[in-house]
Every structure is written in structure tokens, then in C-alpha cells.
Amino acid sequence: MGNQVVIITGAGSGLGASLAKKYSENGAHICLLGRTENKLREIGKQLPNNYSIHTVDVSEHEDVKRVFDTIIQTYGKVDLLFNNAGVGIFDLAEELNDEAVHNMIDINLKGTIFCSQEVLKQMKKQDSGTIVNIVSTAGLIGKATESVYCASKFGVKGFTESLVVELTGTPISVFAAYMGGMNTDFWAGIFDEDKTSKMMNPDDIAEIIIENIKPRKNISIPEIIIKNIK
């Protein structure tokens, strides 16, 4: 991990922040991506090693291209991309307004596609790299009041599985993490503290993901499912 360049979208809190801290502790350079510069700076202050901050709207391909071009020109490579940025608006299907629908599809699905497209160009040049898509169990099963959120995550699942097929036989790995609810700011205003305190710790999820994407001889792990104990 010592000389790795790691890009993490949605790095300002939750799982993104946990991944940033753990990779930084192992000497990687962390590229913190998100929409809010102040949140990224707060996470950066907690990292023991080098990092850079990049504000980006992952739903805008030109903005994604701008940021990835800057990273690649500066550091010359990308070893790991975590497509972690995501948003959820939950209500009955007929009650979701246009803005909510567009936000979930644009950020969760299009954002994952746009970031992967830009990093794949570099990974193919360097003949190495790993893409990790943070999907959620909402990409595996439909849920009440989460219709469009699930639709966006099912889309990420299909995109991820197609990438795995496209990249078969190459040194580039694609990995999907399907996890249940984590105790993060994602649920602010949706669930109370009593509910979120029983959810999974993002530090634990980060450790599980990092352990499963380590390269191993004659072994491929394309996905994992992590569930809450009920």
C-alpha cells in the first residue's frame, strides 16, 4: 500500500472517510473527492500521510474528467478507485419528486459510470488497477420506500458485473461490496440515534473490504455481501 494512489469519492464522511484513514495509515496517497471542500479538509487533517483534496460533482462527466485528468497528470497513476459517493431519498414511489429521482440516478449510477470510465483509461495504460463499487444491499433486493434508490443500485450492480466480464483476463480487478445500513451521516434526518446505533460500524466495513481486495494467487473475489445482525 505504501506507494499507492487511492481515489475515494464521497470521502467527506462515513465509509469513505474510514477507507481514507486506513489506506493513509499504510502510506498510500489519498485523493479525497467530494462536493463539500470543508468536509474533505476535516478528513484530510486526520490522515497521517499525504493527501489531496478535489471537489467534484460526480454526476457531471466533464467535472469528473477535469478532476481525474489533474490526478493522473500529478501522480502518474491510479491504483485504486472507490466509487463510494451516493445519495438516498426515501418515500413511496409516487411521492418522489423529479429532483429526487434525478439525484439518485445521476449520483449513484451515472457517477459510478463516469468515474470508472475515466480511471479505466489510465488503468489500461498502466496495465494494473482495482475499481471498488460500494453498492449496498439495495442493489440486491427491492425495498419499500426505496424504489428509485434500489433502481440506481441495481444499475450499479449490472454495470459492475459487465465490467468484470469486459476485464476478464486483464490485470485490472473490479469488486462490488453489498452492505446493509451503516452508522453514518447518510441516515441523518431519516432514522433516530437509537436506530443508527444498531447499524454496522463503517470502520469494520472498511477493514472487510480492504482484506477482500488484497491480491492473492489464483483467487478472485468479485463481490461480498455484508449484513447487519438482526
Foldseek 3Di string as FASTA:
>chain_A
DQAAEEEEEPLLKFLNLLLQQVVLVNHYEYEYEYQDQVSSVVSVVNGPYHYHYQYAQLLDLVRLLVVLVVVCVVSVAHAEYELDDAAFDFDAPVPDDPVRLCRHQSNLASSLVSNCVNRVVRCVVVQAHEYEYEQACLLVDPDHRRHSNSVNSVNVVVVQVVVQVVQPPTRYAYAYEYEYDALICNCVVPDDPVVRVQHHHSNVVSVVVVVQPPDDPPDHHRYDYYYRDD
